[in-house]
C-alpha atoms as a PDB file:
ATOM      1  CA  MET A   1      23.631 -13.460 -11.712  1.00  0.00           C
ATOM      2  CA  SER A   2      24.557 -16.439  -9.497  1.00  0.00           C
ATOM      3  CA  GLU A   3      24.069 -16.239  -5.695  1.00  0.00           C
ATOM      4  CA  GLU A   4      27.936 -16.406  -4.782  1.00  0.00           C
ATOM      5  CA  LYS A   5      28.546 -13.579  -6.746  1.00  0.00           C
ATOM      6  CA  ALA A   6      25.234 -11.234  -5.653  1.00  0.00           C
ATOM      7  CA  GLU A   7      25.173  -8.113  -4.170  1.00  0.00           C
ATOM      8  CA  ARG A   8      24.367  -8.519  -0.794  1.00  0.00           C
ATOM      9  CA  ILE A   9      20.510  -5.491  -0.813  1.00  0.00           C
ATOM     10  CA  GLU A  10      19.696  -4.121   2.330  1.00  0.00           C
ATOM     11  CA  ALA A  11      15.384  -3.868   2.585  1.00  0.00           C
ATOM     12  CA  TYR A  12      13.424  -2.527   5.407  1.00  0.00           C
ATOM     13  CA  LEU A  13       9.606  -4.151   6.023  1.00  0.00           C
ATOM     14  CA  VAL A  14       7.125  -2.237   8.020  1.00  0.00           C
ATOM     15  CA  ALA A  15       3.945  -4.163   8.988  1.00  0.00           C
ATOM     16  CA  GLY A  16       2.014  -2.806  11.339  1.00  0.00           C
ATOM     17  CA  GLY A  17      -0.940  -1.011  12.814  1.00  0.00           C
ATOM     18  CA  ARG A  18      -4.839  -1.412  13.280  1.00  0.00           C
ATOM     19  CA  TYR A  19      -7.943  -3.929  11.892  1.00  0.00           C
ATOM     20  CA  HIS A  20      -5.874  -6.181   9.718  1.00  0.00           C
ATOM     21  CA  ASP A  21      -4.641  -9.406   9.846  1.00  0.00           C
ATOM     22  CA  ILE A  22      -1.267  -7.921  10.179  1.00  0.00           C
ATOM     23  CA  ASP A  23       0.660 -10.963  10.808  1.00  0.00           C
ATOM     24  CA  PHE A  24      -0.675 -13.097   7.602  1.00  0.00           C
ATOM     25  CA  ALA A  25       0.361 -10.192   5.246  1.00  0.00           C
ATOM     26  CA  ARG A  26       4.124 -10.079   7.399  1.00  0.00           C
ATOM     27  CA  VAL A  27       4.387 -13.391   6.687  1.00  0.00           C
ATOM     28  CA  GLU A  28       3.581 -13.422   2.868  1.00  0.00           C
ATOM     29  CA  LEU A  29       5.482 -10.651   2.058  1.00  0.00           C
ATOM     30  CA  LEU A  30       8.351 -12.182   3.732  1.00  0.00           C
ATOM     31  CA  LYS A  31       7.906 -15.119   1.598  1.00  0.00           C
ATOM     32  CA  LEU A  32       8.102 -13.719  -1.310  1.00  0.00           C
ATOM     33  CA  LEU A  33      11.098 -11.590  -0.497  1.00  0.00           C
ATOM     34  CA  ALA A  34      12.616 -14.540   0.501  1.00  0.00           C
ATOM     35  CA  GLU A  35      13.099 -15.813  -3.557  1.00  0.00           C
ATOM     36  CA  TYR A  36      15.687 -13.204  -3.023  1.00  0.00           C
ATOM     37  CA  PRO A  37      18.766 -14.326  -0.714  1.00  0.00           C
ATOM     38  CA  HIS A  38      20.870 -11.871  -1.154  1.00  0.00           C
ATOM     39  CA  VAL A  39      18.236  -9.315  -0.253  1.00  0.00           C
ATOM     40  CA  ARG A  40      17.943  -9.340   3.997  1.00  0.00           C
ATOM     41  CA  THR A  41      15.671  -8.025   5.648  1.00  0.00           C
ATOM     42  CA  GLN A  42      14.590  -5.757   8.631  1.00  0.00           C
ATOM     43  CA  VAL A  43      11.118  -5.949  10.024  1.00  0.00           C
ATOM     44  CA  ALA A  44       9.348  -3.518  12.316  1.00  0.00           C
ATOM     45  CA  ALA A  45       6.135  -2.837  13.320  1.00  0.00           C
ATOM     46  CA  ASP A  46       6.645   1.004  13.030  1.00  0.00           C
ATOM     47  CA  TYR A  47       8.789   3.645  11.494  1.00  0.00           C
ATOM     48  CA  HIS A  48      10.823   4.536  14.754  1.00  0.00           C
ATOM     49  CA  ASP A  49      14.003   2.947  12.915  1.00  0.00           C
ATOM     50  CA  VAL A  50      14.933   6.160  10.393  1.00  0.00           C
ATOM     51  CA  GLU A  51      18.219   5.373  10.072  1.00  0.00           C
ATOM     52  CA  GLY A  52      17.716   1.987   9.318  1.00  0.00           C
ATOM     53  CA  ILE A  53      15.397   2.662   6.674  1.00  0.00           C
ATOM     54  CA  ALA A  54      17.310   5.354   5.251  1.00  0.00           C
ATOM     55  CA  ALA A  55      20.640   2.574   5.181  1.00  0.00           C
ATOM     56  CA  SER A  56      18.368   0.095   2.963  1.00  0.00           C
ATOM     57  CA  ARG A  57      17.789   0.014  -0.734  1.00  0.00           C
ATOM     58  CA  PHE A  58      13.822  -0.478  -0.344  1.00  0.00           C
ATOM     59  CA  LEU A  59      11.153   0.185   1.920  1.00  0.00           C
ATOM     60  CA  ILE A  60       7.781  -2.118   2.001  1.00  0.00           C
ATOM     61  CA  THR A  61       4.771  -1.120   4.083  1.00  0.00           C
ATOM     62  CA  TYR A  62       1.653  -2.930   4.709  1.00  0.00           C
ATOM     63  CA  THR A  63      -0.204  -0.691   7.881  1.00  0.00           C
ATOM     64  CA  CYS A  64      -3.585   0.669   9.017  1.00  0.00           C
ATOM     65  CA  ASP A  65      -3.425   3.902  10.744  1.00  0.00           C
ATOM     66  CA  LEU A  66      -0.207   3.755  11.652  1.00  0.00           C
ATOM     67  CA  ARG A  67       0.738   7.579  12.532  1.00  0.00           C
ATOM     68  CA  PRO A  68       4.718   8.414  11.798  1.00  0.00           C
ATOM     69  CA  THR A  69       5.969  11.456  13.965  1.00  0.00           C
ATOM     70  CA  PRO A  70       6.802  14.593  11.976  1.00  0.00           C
ATOM     71  CA  GLU A  71      10.168  13.940  11.899  1.00  0.00           C
ATOM     72  CA  GLN A  72       9.176  10.143  10.936  1.00  0.00           C
ATOM     73  CA  GLN A  73       7.428  11.875   8.288  1.00  0.00           C
ATOM     74  CA  GLU A  74      10.196  13.931   6.864  1.00  0.00           C
ATOM     75  CA  ALA A  75      12.672  11.155   6.834  1.00  0.00           C
ATOM     76  CA  LEU A  76      10.426   8.802   4.804  1.00  0.00           C
ATOM     77  CA  HIS A  77      10.210  11.923   2.226  1.00  0.00           C
ATOM     78  CA  ASP A  78      14.259  12.405   2.217  1.00  0.00           C
ATOM     79  CA  PHE A  79      14.780   8.590   1.551  1.00  0.00           C
ATOM     80  CA  VAL A  80      12.661   8.554  -1.512  1.00  0.00           C
ATOM     81  CA  ALA A  81      13.585  12.150  -2.559  1.00  0.00           C
ATOM     82  CA  SER A  82      17.138  11.096  -2.114  1.00  0.00           C
ATOM     83  CA  GLY A  83      16.702   7.712  -4.381  1.00  0.00           C
ATOM     84  CA  GLY A  84      14.687   5.316  -2.652  1.00  0.00           C
ATOM     85  CA  ARG A  85      12.196   2.779  -3.717  1.00  0.00           C
ATOM     86  CA  TRP A  86       9.013   2.364  -1.429  1.00  0.00           C
ATOM     87  CA  LEU A  87       6.659  -0.311  -2.562  1.00  0.00           C
ATOM     88  CA  ALA A  88       3.130   1.166  -0.435  1.00  0.00           C
ATOM     89  CA  LEU A  89       0.911  -1.333   0.211  1.00  0.00           C
ATOM     90  CA  HIS A  90      -2.942  -1.015   0.727  1.00  0.00           C
ATOM     91  CA  GLY A  91      -3.274   1.449   4.685  1.00  0.00           C
ATOM     92  CA  THR A  92      -0.305   2.696   4.276  1.00  0.00           C
ATOM     93  CA  ASN A  93      -1.848   6.081   3.262  1.00  0.00           C
ATOM     94  CA  SER A  94      -4.731   5.851   5.507  1.00  0.00           C
ATOM     95  CA  ILE A  95      -5.609   7.275   9.476  1.00  0.00           C
ATOM     96  CA  LEU A  96      -8.685   6.465  10.985  1.00  0.00           C
ATOM     97  CA  ASP A  97     -10.738   8.567  13.627  1.00  0.00           C
ATOM     98  CA  PHE A  98     -13.770   6.888  15.023  1.00  0.00           C
ATOM     99  CA  THR A  99     -16.662   9.909  15.446  1.00  0.00           C
ATOM    100  CA  PRO A 100     -20.362  10.277  16.481  1.00  0.00           C
ATOM    101  CA  ASP A 101     -20.703  10.766  12.335  1.00  0.00           C
ATOM    102  CA  GLY A 102     -19.163   8.062  10.867  1.00  0.00           C
ATOM    103  CA  VAL A 103     -15.220   7.210  10.925  1.00  0.00           C
ATOM    104  CA  ALA A 104     -13.137  10.221   9.465  1.00  0.00           C
ATOM    105  CA  ALA A 105      -9.489  10.682   8.079  1.00  0.00           C
ATOM    106  CA  PRO A 106      -7.826  13.035   9.207  1.00  0.00           C
ATOM    107  CA  LYS A 107      -5.364  15.298   7.554  1.00  0.00           C
ATOM    108  CA  THR A 108      -2.877  15.246   9.921  1.00  0.00           C
ATOM    109  CA  MET A 109       0.382  13.707   7.873  1.00  0.00           C
ATOM    110  CA  ASP A 110       0.605  16.060   5.079  1.00  0.00           C
ATOM    111  CA  ARG A 111       4.075  15.313   4.377  1.00  0.00           C
ATOM    112  CA  MET A 112       3.553  11.702   4.788  1.00  0.00           C
ATOM    113  CA  ALA A 113       1.054  11.903   2.079  1.00  0.00           C
ATOM    114  CA  TYR A 114       2.807  14.370   0.017  1.00  0.00           C
ATOM    115  CA  THR A 115       5.147  11.568  -0.358  1.00  0.00           C
ATOM    116  CA  LEU A 116       2.842   8.797  -1.068  1.00  0.00           C
ATOM    117  CA  GLY A 117       0.697  10.654  -3.521  1.00  0.00           C
ATOM    118  CA  SER A 118      -2.327  10.520  -1.823  1.00  0.00           C
ATOM    119  CA  GLN A 119      -4.563   9.638   1.238  1.00  0.00           C
ATOM    120  CA  PHE A 120      -7.627   7.130   1.995  1.00  0.00           C
ATOM    121  CA  ILE A 121     -10.946   8.994   2.868  1.00  0.00           C
ATOM    122  CA  ALA A 122     -13.209   6.345   2.511  1.00  0.00           C
ATOM    123  CA  HIS A 123     -14.493   2.898   0.991  1.00  0.00           C
ATOM    124  CA  PRO A 124     -17.421   1.257   0.373  1.00  0.00           C
ATOM    125  CA  PRO A 125     -18.344  -1.957   1.402  1.00  0.00           C
ATOM    126  CA  ILE A 126     -16.318  -4.922   0.581  1.00  0.00           C
ATOM    127  CA  GLN A 127     -17.412  -6.230  -2.448  1.00  0.00           C
ATOM    128  CA  PRO A 128     -16.595  -7.523  -6.264  1.00  0.00           C
ATOM    129  CA  TYR A 129     -15.149  -4.611  -8.672  1.00  0.00           C
ATOM    130  CA  LYS A 130     -13.463  -4.843 -11.803  1.00  0.00           C
ATOM    131  CA  VAL A 131      -9.617  -3.694 -12.211  1.00  0.00           C
ATOM    132  CA  GLU A 132      -8.091  -2.582 -15.381  1.00  0.00           C
ATOM    133  CA  CYS A 133      -4.673  -2.215 -16.924  1.00  0.00           C
ATOM    134  CA  VAL A 134      -4.270   1.510 -18.020  1.00  0.00           C
ATOM    135  CA  ALA A 135      -0.474   1.297 -18.842  1.00  0.00           C
ATOM    136  CA  PRO A 136      -0.476  -1.509 -21.279  1.00  0.00           C
ATOM    137  CA  ASP A 137       3.666  -0.640 -21.844  1.00  0.00           C
ATOM    138  CA  HIS A 138       4.525  -0.618 -18.379  1.00  0.00           C
ATOM    139  CA  PRO A 139       6.289  -3.178 -17.004  1.00  0.00           C
ATOM    140  CA  LEU A 140       4.797  -3.666 -13.715  1.00  0.00           C
ATOM    141  CA  VAL A 141       1.499  -4.155 -15.152  1.00  0.00           C
ATOM    142  CA  ALA A 142       1.854  -5.193 -19.032  1.00  0.00           C
ATOM    143  CA  GLY A 143       0.214  -8.148 -19.855  1.00  0.00           C
ATOM    144  CA  ILE A 144      -2.067  -8.005 -16.670  1.00  0.00           C
ATOM    145  CA  GLU A 145      -5.728  -8.497 -17.905  1.00  0.00           C
ATOM    146  CA  PRO A 146      -8.596  -7.100 -16.220  1.00  0.00           C
ATOM    147  CA  PHE A 147      -9.429  -8.719 -13.192  1.00  0.00           C
ATOM    148  CA  GLU A 148     -12.770  -9.159 -10.963  1.00  0.00           C
ATOM    149  CA  THR A 149     -11.617  -8.844  -6.613  1.00  0.00           C
ATOM    150  CA  ASP A 150     -13.721  -8.793  -3.869  1.00  0.00           C
ATOM    151  CA  ASP A 151     -11.984  -6.132  -1.598  1.00  0.00           C
ATOM    152  CA  GLU A 152     -11.626  -2.343  -0.395  1.00  0.00           C
ATOM    153  CA  LEU A 153     -12.139  -0.501  -2.925  1.00  0.00           C
ATOM    154  CA  TYR A 154     -10.255   2.920  -1.991  1.00  0.00           C
ATOM    155  CA  LEU A 155     -11.532   6.254  -2.162  1.00  0.00           C
ATOM    156  CA  GLN A 156      -8.613   8.644  -2.087  1.00  0.00           C
ATOM    157  CA  GLU A 157      -7.355  12.223  -2.236  1.00  0.00           C
ATOM    158  CA  TYR A 158      -4.527  12.497  -4.562  1.00  0.00           C
ATOM    159  CA  HIS A 159      -1.560  14.596  -4.124  1.00  0.00           C
ATOM    160  CA  ASP A 160       0.121  15.925  -7.012  1.00  0.00           C
ATOM    161  CA  ARG A 161      -2.246  14.177  -9.377  1.00  0.00           C
ATOM    162  CA  ASP A 162      -0.891  15.145 -12.405  1.00  0.00           C
ATOM    163  CA  LYS A 163       2.448  13.722 -11.579  1.00  0.00           C
ATOM    164  CA  LEU A 164       1.107  10.098 -10.377  1.00  0.00           C
ATOM    165  CA  GLU A 165       1.657   7.339 -13.351  1.00  0.00           C
ATOM    166  CA  PRO A 166      -1.683   5.203 -13.825  1.00  0.00           C
ATOM    167  CA  LEU A 167      -1.197   1.533 -13.695  1.00  0.00           C
ATOM    168  CA  LEU A 168      -4.402   0.175 -12.745  1.00  0.00           C
ATOM    169  CA  GLU A 169      -7.604   1.771 -12.027  1.00  0.00           C
ATOM    170  CA  THR A 170     -11.476   0.590 -10.923  1.00  0.00           C
ATOM    171  CA  THR A 171     -14.676   2.619 -11.551  1.00  0.00           C
ATOM    172  CA  TYR A 172     -17.148   3.476  -8.847  1.00  0.00           C
ATOM    173  CA  SER A 173     -19.664   5.997  -8.410  1.00  0.00           C
ATOM    174  CA  GLY A 174     -21.933   5.725  -5.204  1.00  0.00           C
ATOM    175  CA  MET A 175     -21.856   5.627  -1.396  1.00  0.00           C
ATOM    176  CA  ALA A 176     -19.432   4.751   1.543  1.00  0.00           C
ATOM    177  CA  ASP A 177     -21.642   4.288   4.343  1.00  0.00           C
ATOM    178  CA  GLY A 178     -20.090   4.680   7.576  1.00  0.00           C
ATOM    179  CA  PHE A 179     -17.645   7.578   6.894  1.00  0.00           C
ATOM    180  CA  VAL A 180     -17.701  11.088   7.303  1.00  0.00           C
ATOM    181  CA  VAL A 181     -17.057  11.622   3.808  1.00  0.00           C
ATOM    182  CA  ALA A 182     -19.405   9.530   2.261  1.00  0.00           C
ATOM    183  CA  ASP A 183     -20.766  10.552  -0.763  1.00  0.00           C
ATOM    184  CA  TRP A 184     -19.004   9.590  -3.604  1.00  0.00           C
ATOM    185  CA  GLN A 185     -21.481   9.490  -6.643  1.00  0.00           C
ATOM    186  CA  ASP A 186     -20.187  12.218  -9.010  1.00  0.00           C
ATOM    187  CA  ALA A 187     -16.959  10.431  -8.681  1.00  0.00           C
ATOM    188  CA  ASP A 188     -15.881   7.756 -11.570  1.00  0.00           C
ATOM    189  CA  ARG A 189     -12.775   6.755 -11.989  1.00  0.00           C
ATOM    190  CA  HIS A 190     -10.259   5.633  -9.429  1.00  0.00           C
ATOM    191  CA  LEU A 191      -6.663   4.397  -8.460  1.00  0.00           C
ATOM    192  CA  VAL A 192      -6.002   1.244  -7.654  1.00  0.00           C
ATOM    193  CA  SER A 193      -1.773   1.128  -8.338  1.00  0.00           C
ATOM    194  CA  TYR A 194       0.345   4.200  -9.551  1.00  0.00           C
ATOM    195  CA  VAL A 195       3.886   5.187  -9.562  1.00  0.00           C
ATOM    196  CA  ARG A 196       4.594   8.125  -7.989  1.00  0.00           C
ATOM    197  CA  PRO A 197       8.081   9.938  -9.095  1.00  0.00           C
ATOM    198  CA  LEU A 198       9.184  11.908  -6.048  1.00  0.00           C
ATOM    199  CA  GLY A 199      13.633  13.462  -6.607  1.00  0.00           C
ATOM    200  CA  LYS A 200      15.377  10.837  -7.378  1.00  0.00           C
ATOM    201  CA  GLY A 201      13.459   7.974  -6.321  1.00  0.00           C
ATOM    202  CA  ALA A 202       9.462   7.118  -6.331  1.00  0.00           C
ATOM    203  CA  VAL A 203       6.890   5.143  -4.497  1.00  0.00           C
ATOM    204  CA  LEU A 204       4.539   2.263  -5.914  1.00  0.00           C
ATOM    205  CA  TYR A 205       1.295   1.815  -4.947  1.00  0.00           C
ATOM    206  CA  ASN A 206      -1.165  -0.507  -4.532  1.00  0.00           C
ATOM    207  CA  THR A 207      -4.296  -0.136  -2.672  1.00  0.00           C
ATOM    208  CA  LEU A 208      -5.230  -3.804  -2.810  1.00  0.00           C
ATOM    209  CA  GLY A 209      -4.527  -6.953  -0.458  1.00  0.00           C
ATOM    210  CA  HIS A 210      -7.119  -5.920   2.822  1.00  0.00           C
ATOM    211  CA  CYS A 211      -7.054  -8.855   5.221  1.00  0.00           C
ATOM    212  CA  ARG A 212      -8.308  -9.388   8.556  1.00  0.00           C
ATOM    213  CA  GLY A 213      -8.642 -12.421  11.319  1.00  0.00           C
ATOM    214  CA  HIS A 214     -11.236 -13.334  13.610  1.00  0.00           C
ATOM    215  CA  TRP A 215      -9.282 -11.556  16.919  1.00  0.00           C
ATOM    216  CA  ASP A 216      -8.038  -8.263  14.418  1.00  0.00           C
ATOM    217  CA  MET A 217     -11.148  -5.693  15.153  1.00  0.00           C
ATOM    218  CA  LYS A 218     -10.353  -5.202  18.771  1.00  0.00           C
ATOM    219  CA  PRO A 219     -11.260  -3.049  21.193  1.00  0.00           C
ATOM    220  CA  ALA A 220     -14.582  -2.246  18.699  1.00  0.00           C
ATOM    221  CA  MET A 221     -15.572  -6.347  19.066  1.00  0.00           C
ATOM    222  CA  ASP A 222     -13.409  -8.793  20.730  1.00  0.00           C
ATOM    223  CA  TYR A 223     -14.244 -11.831  17.684  1.00  0.00           C
ATOM    224  CA  TYR A 224     -14.625 -10.791  13.849  1.00  0.00           C
ATOM    225  CA  PRO A 225     -16.863 -13.243  12.513  1.00  0.00           C
ATOM    226  CA  GLU A 226     -15.408 -14.064   9.078  1.00  0.00           C
ATOM    227  CA  ILE A 227     -11.894 -14.153   7.881  1.00  0.00           C
ATOM    228  CA  GLU A 228     -11.062 -12.219   4.811  1.00  0.00           C
ATOM    229  CA  ARG A 229      -7.950 -12.398   2.773  1.00  0.00           C
ATOM    230  CA  CYS A 230      -9.829 -10.537  -0.274  1.00  0.00           C
ATOM    231  CA  SER A 231      -6.906  -9.736  -3.286  1.00  0.00           C
ATOM    232  CA  TRP A 232      -4.715 -12.637  -1.238  1.00  0.00           C
ATOM    233  CA  ASN A 233      -6.683 -14.918  -2.769  1.00  0.00           C
ATOM    234  CA  LEU A 234      -5.511 -13.636  -6.561  1.00  0.00           C
ATOM    235  CA  PRO A 235      -2.675 -15.180  -8.436  1.00  0.00           C
ATOM    236  CA  ALA A 236      -2.786 -11.491 -10.269  1.00  0.00           C
ATOM    237  CA  TYR A 237      -2.377 -10.188  -6.661  1.00  0.00           C
ATOM    238  CA  TYR A 238       0.807 -11.939  -5.796  1.00  0.00           C
ATOM    239  CA  GLU A 239       2.302 -11.505  -9.376  1.00  0.00           C
ATOM    240  CA  LEU A 240       2.352  -7.735  -8.667  1.00  0.00           C
ATOM    241  CA  LEU A 241       3.718  -8.030  -5.370  1.00  0.00           C
ATOM    242  CA  ARG A 242       6.194  -9.887  -7.272  1.00  0.00           C
ATOM    243  CA  ARG A 243       6.966  -7.100 -10.394  1.00  0.00           C
ATOM    244  CA  GLY A 244       6.807  -4.357  -6.930  1.00  0.00           C
ATOM    245  CA  LEU A 245       9.856  -6.453  -5.656  1.00  0.00           C
ATOM    246  CA  ARG A 246      11.730  -6.449  -8.762  1.00  0.00           C
ATOM    247  CA  TRP A 247      10.849  -2.622  -9.188  1.00  0.00           C
ATOM    248  CA  CYS A 248      12.021  -2.195  -5.892  1.00  0.00           C
ATOM    249  CA  LEU A 249      15.305  -4.223  -7.083  1.00  0.00           C
ATOM    250  CA  GLY A 250      15.980  -1.747  -9.884  1.00  0.00           C
ATOM    251  CA  GLU A 251      14.736  -4.637 -12.653  1.00  0.00           C
ATOM    252  CA  LEU A 252      11.563  -3.432 -13.948  1.00  0.00           C
ATOM    253  CA  GLY A 253      10.885   0.280 -13.964  1.00  0.00           C
END
């Protein structure tokens, strides 16, 4: 379809939260969206504009510790259930409380976690791990060879686990030092990416994509010594993001 005849599509990007280089992720995602001139994207730092989200064809989120209100959680659920598609990235399912016993993941956004299909609980220190495709016939990951990334490996609690459609997985059994729920020695396989069908719509979750710059850890520290780009350094990650956008547009899956 030519650009002149293409239907204008409304999209919504929420990029906000803490402890990550949100500016970097926002720019990278907007560059990918710009590959589709007929997609017009609203951008926000939180979920307050529930009417704008509801009026969009699809939603993309890159957040960390961004806590929607109960009303916003219900609106997000309804957006998906009524046919919307949601590409949820990295820390979208995270809530972080810093306690004397470590970082906790309080269960205070049950509706959001149910809609997403998961809630972040912990991660081991950033280290290399292997990501494997477990749905070789699914267009979102078909042809994606196993790859090694140096990223946060998300250890999660799942909702409707039997209804999630696994796409990418990894293996980890060990400790997540610094988190309240630190012992994952009895764990094994962990979802890296999956589709969560819900009503007439669906969520595509990809846990990869940690990024952090020097000034992103306030108030914990004024200057973080390293710049972390993790999976953003990999062509495979950008391929997954591009396929995710095609999925949002209804071209894949």
